[in-house]
Each structure stands twice: as C-alpha cells, then as structure tokens.
Amino acid sequence: MLRRRFNRTCLSPLDLDVCERVFNQVCADEQLDPLDPDAEILAVMVVAIFRNAHTNECELLEAVRSHRENHGNRPIASLKNAQRRLD
C-alpha cells in the first residue's frame, strides 16, 4: 500500500523529463514564456494530467493540448486549488 501511494505522489527523473518536454513543447507552440505566471499554471496542469494515467509522452501532449483547446488557458478546478496551495 505504501509503495502504491509513493508511486502516485512522487515522480521519477524519467517522469519529470516527460513532463518537461511536454511543457516545453506547449510553451513553444503557444509562444508562452516559460517564466510567465500562465506557464506555472501550465506546468501544474501537465503534472496533474500525467498523474491521471497519461504517462506516454505523445498521449500526455495530446491530452494537454486538448484540455487547453477545450478550456482555453483556464486551469481545471482542481488545478486552481493546487495553485492556491502553492501561493
């Protein structure tokens, strides 16, 4: 049980690499400065979608793009709550 919880809360270096590549690709596609506050919301979104079983890089990129197309740059409600906790 502990191992299962650990796996859901911690990302490996390989997991972080996947998330970073997707983040960088979306920033490039949208001409978004990675240091912009909107990019921080994007980063939280990428990790949240990754943790929701989209661990394949292509699948993750498609899920992030789809969410941003359908919802604009607005984060989903759970991401807003996570962002508040970071502030």
PDB file of N, CA and C in Angstrom:
ATOM      1  N   MET A   1       0.818  -1.192   0.000  1.00  0.00           N
ATOM      2  CA  MET A   1       0.000   0.000   0.000  1.00  0.00           C
ATOM      3  C   MET A   1       0.865   1.261   0.000  1.00  0.00           C
ATOM      4  N   LEU A   2       1.905   1.280   0.821  1.00  0.00           N
ATOM      5  CA  LEU A   2       2.789   2.435   0.890  1.00  0.00           C
ATOM      6  C   LEU A   2       3.457   2.659  -0.458  1.00  0.00           C
ATOM      7  N   ARG A   3       3.894   1.591  -1.090  1.00  0.00           N
ATOM      8  CA  ARG A   3       4.551   1.716  -2.398  1.00  0.00           C
ATOM      9  C   ARG A   3       3.604   2.327  -3.421  1.00  0.00           C
ATOM     10  N   ARG A   4       2.365   1.924  -3.405  1.00  0.00           N
ATOM     11  CA  ARG A   4       1.386   2.447  -4.351  1.00  0.00           C
ATOM     12  C   ARG A   4       1.199   3.953  -4.141  1.00  0.00           C
ATOM     13  N   ARG A   5       1.084   4.384  -2.911  1.00  0.00           N
ATOM     14  CA  ARG A   5       0.923   5.810  -2.614  1.00  0.00           C
ATOM     15  C   ARG A   5       2.179   6.577  -3.023  1.00  0.00           C
ATOM     16  N   PHE A   6       3.329   6.019  -2.745  1.00  0.00           N
ATOM     17  CA  PHE A   6       4.592   6.657  -3.129  1.00  0.00           C
ATOM     18  C   PHE A   6       4.638   6.871  -4.632  1.00  0.00           C
ATOM     19  N   ASN A   7       4.254   5.870  -5.383  1.00  0.00           N
ATOM     20  CA  ASN A   7       4.302   5.969  -6.838  1.00  0.00           C
ATOM     21  C   ASN A   7       3.366   7.046  -7.373  1.00  0.00           C
ATOM     22  N   ARG A   8       2.284   7.312  -6.703  1.00  0.00           N
ATOM     23  CA  ARG A   8       1.334   8.312  -7.174  1.00  0.00           C
ATOM     24  C   ARG A   8       1.743   9.718  -6.773  1.00  0.00           C
ATOM     25  N   THR A   9       2.542   9.867  -5.724  1.00  0.00           N
ATOM     26  CA  THR A   9       2.880  11.203  -5.246  1.00  0.00           C
ATOM     27  C   THR A   9       4.261  11.664  -5.689  1.00  0.00           C
ATOM     28  N   CYS A  10       5.128  10.758  -6.030  1.00  0.00           N
ATOM     29  CA  CYS A  10       6.492  11.117  -6.423  1.00  0.00           C
ATOM     30  C   CYS A  10       6.704  10.808  -7.899  1.00  0.00           C
ATOM     31  N   LEU A  11       7.414  11.703  -8.549  1.00  0.00           N
ATOM     32  CA  LEU A  11       7.737  11.484  -9.949  1.00  0.00           C
ATOM     33  C   LEU A  11       9.211  11.137 -10.063  1.00  0.00           C
ATOM     34  N   SER A  12       9.514  10.171 -10.894  1.00  0.00           N
ATOM     35  CA  SER A  12      10.901   9.780 -11.122  1.00  0.00           C
ATOM     36  C   SER A  12      11.560  10.814 -12.039  1.00  0.00           C
ATOM     37  N   PRO A  13      12.879  10.781 -12.139  1.00  0.00           N
ATOM     38  CA  PRO A  13      13.545  11.682 -13.091  1.00  0.00           C
ATOM     39  C   PRO A  13      13.047  11.486 -14.526  1.00  0.00           C
ATOM     40  N   LEU A  14      12.731  10.252 -14.894  1.00  0.00           N
ATOM     41  CA  LEU A  14      12.199  10.000 -16.242  1.00  0.00           C
ATOM     42  C   LEU A  14      10.812  10.616 -16.411  1.00  0.00           C
ATOM     43  N   ASP A  15       9.987  10.518 -15.365  1.00  0.00           N
ATOM     44  CA  ASP A  15       8.664  11.136 -15.390  1.00  0.00           C
ATOM     45  C   ASP A  15       8.791  12.652 -15.557  1.00  0.00           C
ATOM     46  N   LEU A  16       9.702  13.246 -14.808  1.00  0.00           N
ATOM     47  CA  LEU A  16       9.915  14.692 -14.891  1.00  0.00           C
ATOM     48  C   LEU A  16      10.409  15.099 -16.268  1.00  0.00           C
ATOM     49  N   ASP A  17      11.242  14.268 -16.881  1.00  0.00           N
ATOM     50  CA  ASP A  17      11.720  14.552 -18.240  1.00  0.00           C
ATOM     51  C   ASP A  17      10.557  14.591 -19.232  1.00  0.00           C
ATOM     52  N   VAL A  18       9.649  13.631 -19.120  1.00  0.00           N
ATOM     53  CA  VAL A  18       8.475  13.589 -19.998  1.00  0.00           C
ATOM     54  C   VAL A  18       7.644  14.857 -19.801  1.00  0.00           C
ATOM     55  N   CYS A  19       7.374  15.194 -18.542  1.00  0.00           N
ATOM     56  CA  CYS A  19       6.573  16.387 -18.244  1.00  0.00           C
ATOM     57  C   CYS A  19       7.262  17.651 -18.756  1.00  0.00           C
ATOM     58  N   GLU A  20       8.562  17.724 -18.586  1.00  0.00           N
ATOM     59  CA  GLU A  20       9.303  18.904 -19.037  1.00  0.00           C
ATOM     60  C   GLU A  20       9.252  19.047 -20.558  1.00  0.00           C
ATOM     61  N   ARG A  21       9.406  17.940 -21.278  1.00  0.00           N
ATOM     62  CA  ARG A  21       9.361  18.008 -22.743  1.00  0.00           C
ATOM     63  C   ARG A  21       7.979  18.460 -23.219  1.00  0.00           C
ATOM     64  N   VAL A  22       6.942  17.935 -22.594  1.00  0.00           N
ATOM     65  CA  VAL A  22       5.581  18.344 -22.970  1.00  0.00           C
ATOM     66  C   VAL A  22       5.369  19.820 -22.638  1.00  0.00           C
ATOM     67  N   PHE A  23       5.783  20.236 -21.454  1.00  0.00           N
ATOM     68  CA  PHE A  23       5.683  21.645 -21.049  1.00  0.00           C
ATOM     69  C   PHE A  23       6.408  22.533 -22.065  1.00  0.00           C
ATOM     70  N   ASN A  24       7.635  22.181 -22.411  1.00  0.00           N
ATOM     71  CA  ASN A  24       8.418  22.977 -23.357  1.00  0.00           C
ATOM     72  C   ASN A  24       7.761  23.024 -24.736  1.00  0.00           C
ATOM     73  N   GLN A  25       7.193  21.914 -25.175  1.00  0.00           N
ATOM     74  CA  GLN A  25       6.540  21.872 -26.486  1.00  0.00           C
ATOM     75  C   GLN A  25       5.307  22.771 -26.510  1.00  0.00           C
ATOM     76  N   VAL A  26       4.485  22.706 -25.469  1.00  0.00           N
ATOM     77  CA  VAL A  26       3.285  23.545 -25.419  1.00  0.00           C
ATOM     78  C   VAL A  26       3.677  25.013 -25.328  1.00  0.00           C
ATOM     79  N   CYS A  27       4.688  25.332 -24.536  1.00  0.00           N
ATOM     80  CA  CYS A  27       5.173  26.718 -24.459  1.00  0.00           C
ATOM     81  C   CYS A  27       5.617  27.202 -25.840  1.00  0.00           C
ATOM     82  N   ALA A  28       6.346  26.373 -26.561  1.00  0.00           N
ATOM     83  CA  ALA A  28       6.813  26.746 -27.899  1.00  0.00           C
ATOM     84  C   ALA A  28       5.628  26.914 -28.860  1.00  0.00           C
ATOM     85  N   ASP A  29       4.685  25.963 -28.820  1.00  0.00           N
ATOM     86  CA  ASP A  29       3.514  26.024 -29.697  1.00  0.00           C
ATOM     87  C   ASP A  29       2.707  27.297 -29.475  1.00  0.00           C
ATOM     88  N   GLU A  30       2.578  27.687 -28.219  1.00  0.00           N
ATOM     89  CA  GLU A  30       1.730  28.832 -27.860  1.00  0.00           C
ATOM     90  C   GLU A  30       2.538  30.114 -27.665  1.00  0.00           C
ATOM     91  N   GLN A  31       3.830  30.064 -27.962  1.00  0.00           N
ATOM     92  CA  GLN A  31       4.726  31.204 -27.769  1.00  0.00           C
ATOM     93  C   GLN A  31       4.564  31.789 -26.366  1.00  0.00           C
ATOM     94  N   LEU A  32       4.589  30.889 -25.393  1.00  0.00           N
ATOM     95  CA  LEU A  32       4.423  31.234 -23.986  1.00  0.00           C
ATOM     96  C   LEU A  32       5.791  31.223 -23.314  1.00  0.00           C
ATOM     97  N   ASP A  33       6.129  32.314 -22.655  1.00  0.00           N
ATOM     98  CA  ASP A  33       7.390  32.403 -21.918  1.00  0.00           C
ATOM     99  C   ASP A  33       7.327  31.429 -20.742  1.00  0.00           C
ATOM    100  N   PRO A  34       8.262  30.487 -20.646  1.00  0.00           N
ATOM    101  CA  PRO A  34       8.242  29.513 -19.547  1.00  0.00           C
ATOM    102  C   PRO A  34       8.304  30.150 -18.153  1.00  0.00           C
ATOM    103  N   LEU A  35       8.689  31.411 -18.065  1.00  0.00           N
ATOM    104  CA  LEU A  35       8.751  32.094 -16.776  1.00  0.00           C
ATOM    105  C   LEU A  35       7.489  32.903 -16.485  1.00  0.00           C
ATOM    106  N   ASP A  36       6.553  32.935 -17.420  1.00  0.00           N
ATOM    107  CA  ASP A  36       5.299  33.657 -17.264  1.00  0.00           C
ATOM    108  C   ASP A  36       4.422  32.950 -16.223  1.00  0.00           C
ATOM    109  N   PRO A  37       3.631  33.702 -15.456  1.00  0.00           N
ATOM    110  CA  PRO A  37       2.726  33.057 -14.482  1.00  0.00           C
ATOM    111  C   PRO A  37       1.772  32.049 -15.126  1.00  0.00           C
ATOM    112  N   ASP A  38       1.342  32.293 -16.366  1.00  0.00           N
ATOM    113  CA  ASP A  38       0.482  31.320 -17.049  1.00  0.00           C
ATOM    114  C   ASP A  38       1.216  30.008 -17.312  1.00  0.00           C
ATOM    115  N   ALA A  39       2.521  30.087 -17.478  1.00  0.00           N
ATOM    116  CA  ALA A  39       3.313  28.879 -17.683  1.00  0.00           C
ATOM    117  C   ALA A  39       3.363  28.041 -16.408  1.00  0.00           C
ATOM    118  N   GLU A  40       3.315  28.697 -15.257  1.00  0.00           N
ATOM    119  CA  GLU A  40       3.285  27.952 -13.994  1.00  0.00           C
ATOM    120  C   GLU A  40       1.995  27.139 -13.898  1.00  0.00           C
ATOM    121  N   ILE A  41       0.894  27.744 -14.333  1.00  0.00           N
ATOM    122  CA  ILE A  41      -0.386  27.024 -14.352  1.00  0.00           C
ATOM    123  C   ILE A  41      -0.303  25.857 -15.333  1.00  0.00           C
ATOM    124  N   LEU A  42       0.327  26.096 -16.476  1.00  0.00           N
ATOM    125  CA  LEU A  42       0.520  25.024 -17.455  1.00  0.00           C
ATOM    126  C   LEU A  42       1.334  23.884 -16.852  1.00  0.00           C
ATOM    127  N   ALA A  43       2.392  24.204 -16.124  1.00  0.00           N
ATOM    128  CA  ALA A  43       3.241  23.165 -15.518  1.00  0.00           C
ATOM    129  C   ALA A  43       2.439  22.312 -14.538  1.00  0.00           C
ATOM    130  N   VAL A  44       1.619  22.960 -13.726  1.00  0.00           N
ATOM    131  CA  VAL A  44       0.774  22.221 -12.773  1.00  0.00           C
ATOM    132  C   VAL A  44      -0.197  21.331 -13.543  1.00  0.00           C
ATOM    133  N   MET A  45      -0.747  21.855 -14.636  1.00  0.00           N
ATOM    134  CA  MET A  45      -1.676  21.088 -15.462  1.00  0.00           C
ATOM    135  C   MET A  45      -0.998  19.859 -16.061  1.00  0.00           C
ATOM    136  N   VAL A  46       0.206  20.026 -16.582  1.00  0.00           N
ATOM    137  CA  VAL A  46       0.937  18.910 -17.192  1.00  0.00           C
ATOM    138  C   VAL A  46       1.149  17.792 -16.171  1.00  0.00           C
ATOM    139  N   VAL A  47       1.586  18.154 -14.979  1.00  0.00           N
ATOM    140  CA  VAL A  47       1.836  17.142 -13.944  1.00  0.00           C
ATOM    141  C   VAL A  47       0.526  16.478 -13.522  1.00  0.00           C
ATOM    142  N   ALA A  48      -0.539  17.263 -13.364  1.00  0.00           N
ATOM    143  CA  ALA A  48      -1.830  16.692 -12.963  1.00  0.00           C
ATOM    144  C   ALA A  48      -2.337  15.707 -14.010  1.00  0.00           C
ATOM    145  N   ILE A  49      -2.239  16.072 -15.273  1.00  0.00           N
ATOM    146  CA  ILE A  49      -2.702  15.165 -16.333  1.00  0.00           C
ATOM    147  C   ILE A  49      -1.796  13.936 -16.404  1.00  0.00           C
ATOM    148  N   PHE A  50      -0.498  14.124 -16.215  1.00  0.00           N
ATOM    149  CA  PHE A  50       0.438  12.998 -16.177  1.00  0.00           C
ATOM    150  C   PHE A  50       0.032  12.013 -15.081  1.00  0.00           C
ATOM    151  N   ARG A  51      -0.274  12.530 -13.909  1.00  0.00           N
ATOM    152  CA  ARG A  51      -0.657  11.673 -12.781  1.00  0.00           C
ATOM    153  C   ARG A  51      -1.999  10.997 -12.997  1.00  0.00           C
ATOM    154  N   ASN A  52      -2.773  11.509 -13.941  1.00  0.00           N
ATOM    155  CA  ASN A  52      -4.075  10.917 -14.240  1.00  0.00           C
ATOM    156  C   ASN A  52      -3.941   9.859 -15.341  1.00  0.00           C
ATOM    157  N   ALA A  53      -2.815   9.163 -15.337  1.00  0.00           N
ATOM    158  CA  ALA A  53      -2.562   7.987 -16.188  1.00  0.00           C
ATOM    159  C   ALA A  53      -2.134   8.302 -17.612  1.00  0.00           C
ATOM    160  N   HIS A  54      -1.873   9.553 -17.951  1.00  0.00           N
ATOM    161  CA  HIS A  54      -1.361   9.881 -19.278  1.00  0.00           C
ATOM    162  C   HIS A  54       0.163   9.962 -19.200  1.00  0.00           C
ATOM    163  N   THR A  55       0.809   8.812 -19.061  1.00  0.00           N
ATOM    164  CA  THR A  55       2.249   8.792 -18.832  1.00  0.00           C
ATOM    165  C   THR A  55       3.067   8.643 -20.115  1.00  0.00           C
ATOM    166  N   ASN A  56       2.416   8.316 -21.210  1.00  0.00           N
ATOM    167  CA  ASN A  56       3.089   8.259 -22.501  1.00  0.00           C
ATOM    168  C   ASN A  56       3.224   9.695 -22.998  1.00  0.00           C
ATOM    169  N   GLU A  57       4.402  10.074 -23.482  1.00  0.00           N
ATOM    170  CA  GLU A  57       4.657  11.463 -23.868  1.00  0.00           C
ATOM    171  C   GLU A  57       3.685  11.973 -24.930  1.00  0.00           C
ATOM    172  N   CYS A  58       3.445  11.199 -25.958  1.00  0.00           N
ATOM    173  CA  CYS A  58       2.526  11.626 -27.021  1.00  0.00           C
ATOM    174  C   CYS A  58       1.105  11.778 -26.490  1.00  0.00           C
ATOM    175  N   GLU A  59       0.699  10.824 -25.681  1.00  0.00           N
ATOM    176  CA  GLU A  59      -0.635  10.851 -25.083  1.00  0.00           C
ATOM    177  C   GLU A  59      -0.782  12.059 -24.152  1.00  0.00           C
ATOM    178  N   LEU A  60       0.244  12.327 -23.370  1.00  0.00           N
ATOM    179  CA  LEU A  60       0.229  13.466 -22.451  1.00  0.00           C
ATOM    180  C   LEU A  60       0.146  14.768 -23.233  1.00  0.00           C
ATOM    181  N   LEU A  61       0.954  14.909 -24.266  1.00  0.00           N
ATOM    182  CA  LEU A  61       0.936  16.123 -25.080  1.00  0.00           C
ATOM    183  C   LEU A  61      -0.447  16.329 -25.685  1.00  0.00           C
ATOM    184  N   GLU A  62      -1.030  15.279 -26.217  1.00  0.00           N
ATOM    185  CA  GLU A  62      -2.370  15.382 -26.808  1.00  0.00           C
ATOM    186  C   GLU A  62      -3.414  15.758 -25.759  1.00  0.00           C
ATOM    187  N   ALA A  63      -3.333  15.173 -24.567  1.00  0.00           N
ATOM    188  CA  ALA A  63      -4.295  15.479 -23.503  1.00  0.00           C
ATOM    189  C   ALA A  63      -4.174  16.928 -23.042  1.00  0.00           C
ATOM    190  N   VAL A  64      -2.944  17.429 -22.927  1.00  0.00           N
ATOM    191  CA  VAL A  64      -2.736  18.823 -22.505  1.00  0.00           C
ATOM    192  C   VAL A  64      -3.251  19.766 -23.591  1.00  0.00           C
ATOM    193  N   ARG A  65      -2.907  19.499 -24.843  1.00  0.00           N
ATOM    194  CA  ARG A  65      -3.386  20.344 -25.944  1.00  0.00           C
ATOM    195  C   ARG A  65      -4.906  20.344 -26.003  1.00  0.00           C
ATOM    196  N   SER A  66      -5.500  19.165 -25.852  1.00  0.00           N
ATOM    197  CA  SER A  66      -6.960  19.040 -25.897  1.00  0.00           C
ATOM    198  C   SER A  66      -7.598  19.854 -24.773  1.00  0.00           C
ATOM    199  N   HIS A  67      -7.055  19.750 -23.589  1.00  0.00           N
ATOM    200  CA  HIS A  67      -7.623  20.496 -22.467  1.00  0.00           C
ATOM    201  C   HIS A  67      -7.535  21.992 -22.728  1.00  0.00           C
ATOM    202  N   ARG A  68      -6.399  22.455 -23.221  1.00  0.00           N
ATOM    203  CA  ARG A  68      -6.211  23.891 -23.458  1.00  0.00           C
ATOM    204  C   ARG A  68      -7.090  24.383 -24.606  1.00  0.00           C
ATOM    205  N   GLU A  69      -7.327  23.538 -25.610  1.00  0.00           N
ATOM    206  CA  GLU A  69      -8.227  23.917 -26.704  1.00  0.00           C
ATOM    207  C   GLU A  69      -9.669  24.004 -26.223  1.00  0.00           C
ATOM    208  N   ASN A  70     -10.070  23.052 -25.387  1.00  0.00           N
ATOM    209  CA  ASN A  70     -11.451  22.989 -24.919  1.00  0.00           C
ATOM    210  C   ASN A  70     -11.756  23.984 -23.807  1.00  0.00           C
ATOM    211  N   HIS A  71     -10.750  24.331 -23.029  1.00  0.00           N
ATOM    212  CA  HIS A  71     -10.975  25.184 -21.863  1.00  0.00           C
ATOM    213  C   HIS A  71     -10.163  26.465 -21.915  1.00  0.00           C
ATOM    214  N   GLY A  72      -9.510  26.730 -23.022  1.00  0.00           N
ATOM    215  CA  GLY A  72      -8.640  27.898 -23.098  1.00  0.00           C
ATOM    216  C   GLY A  72      -7.459  27.700 -22.164  1.00  0.00           C
ATOM    217  N   ASN A  73      -6.940  28.759 -21.648  1.00  0.00           N
ATOM    218  CA  ASN A  73      -5.801  28.666 -20.739  1.00  0.00           C
ATOM    219  C   ASN A  73      -6.244  28.548 -19.294  1.00  0.00           C
ATOM    220  N   ARG A  74      -7.560  28.413 -19.093  1.00  0.00           N
ATOM    221  CA  ARG A  74      -8.073  28.278 -17.738  1.00  0.00           C
ATOM    222  C   ARG A  74      -7.708  26.903 -17.187  1.00  0.00           C
ATOM    223  N   PRO A  75      -7.190  26.870 -15.966  1.00  0.00           N
ATOM    224  CA  PRO A  75      -6.937  25.559 -15.359  1.00  0.00           C
ATOM    225  C   PRO A  75      -8.248  24.943 -14.902  1.00  0.00           C
ATOM    226  N   ILE A  76      -8.279  23.630 -14.822  1.00  0.00           N
ATOM    227  CA  ILE A  76      -9.452  22.971 -14.274  1.00  0.00           C
ATOM    228  C   ILE A  76      -9.534  23.263 -12.784  1.00  0.00           C
ATOM    229  N   ALA A  77     -10.693  23.094 -12.189  1.00  0.00           N
ATOM    230  CA  ALA A  77     -10.928  23.491 -10.790  1.00  0.00           C
ATOM    231  C   ALA A  77      -9.899  22.904  -9.832  1.00  0.00           C
ATOM    232  N   SER A  78      -9.561  21.641  -9.984  1.00  0.00           N
ATOM    233  CA  SER A  78      -8.598  21.035  -9.065  1.00  0.00           C
ATOM    234  C   SER A  78      -7.221  21.662  -9.222  1.00  0.00           C
ATOM    235  N   LEU A  79      -6.907  22.130 -10.422  1.00  0.00           N
ATOM    236  CA  LEU A  79      -5.620  22.793 -10.623  1.00  0.00           C
ATOM    237  C   LEU A  79      -5.612  24.172  -9.984  1.00  0.00           C
ATOM    238  N   LYS A  80      -6.767  24.845  -9.994  1.00  0.00           N
ATOM    239  CA  LYS A  80      -6.852  26.144  -9.322  1.00  0.00           C
ATOM    240  C   LYS A  80      -6.576  25.968  -7.836  1.00  0.00           C
ATOM    241  N   ASN A  81      -7.140  24.920  -7.257  1.00  0.00           N
ATOM    242  CA  ASN A  81      -6.910  24.653  -5.823  1.00  0.00           C
ATOM    243  C   ASN A  81      -5.449  24.340  -5.557  1.00  0.00           C
ATOM    244  N   ALA A  82      -4.840  23.560  -6.435  1.00  0.00           N
ATOM    245  CA  ALA A  82      -3.416  23.240  -6.253  1.00  0.00           C
ATOM    246  C   ALA A  82      -2.578  24.504  -6.383  1.00  0.00           C
ATOM    247  N   GLN A  83      -2.952  25.375  -7.316  1.00  0.00           N
ATOM    248  CA  GLN A  83      -2.214  26.619  -7.497  1.00  0.00           C
ATOM    249  C   GLN A  83      -2.316  27.493  -6.255  1.00  0.00           C
ATOM    250  N   ARG A  84      -3.498  27.560  -5.655  1.00  0.00           N
ATOM    251  CA  ARG A  84      -3.683  28.350  -4.434  1.00  0.00           C
ATOM    252  C   ARG A  84      -2.768  27.861  -3.316  1.00  0.00           C
ATOM    253  N   ARG A  85      -2.612  26.540  -3.234  1.00  0.00           N
ATOM    254  CA  ARG A  85      -1.750  25.976  -2.194  1.00  0.00           C
ATOM    255  C   ARG A  85      -0.290  26.349  -2.421  1.00  0.00           C
ATOM    256  N   LEU A  86       0.099  26.566  -3.690  1.00  0.00           N
ATOM    257  CA  LEU A  86       1.472  26.945  -3.993  1.00  0.00           C
ATOM    258  C   LEU A  86       1.744  28.409  -3.643  1.00  0.00           C
ATOM    259  N   ASP A  87       0.712  29.240  -3.677  1.00  0.00           N
ATOM    260  CA  ASP A  87       0.881  30.677  -3.403  1.00  0.00           C
ATOM    261  C   ASP A  87       1.147  30.984  -1.952  1.00  0.00           C
TER     262      ASP A  87
END
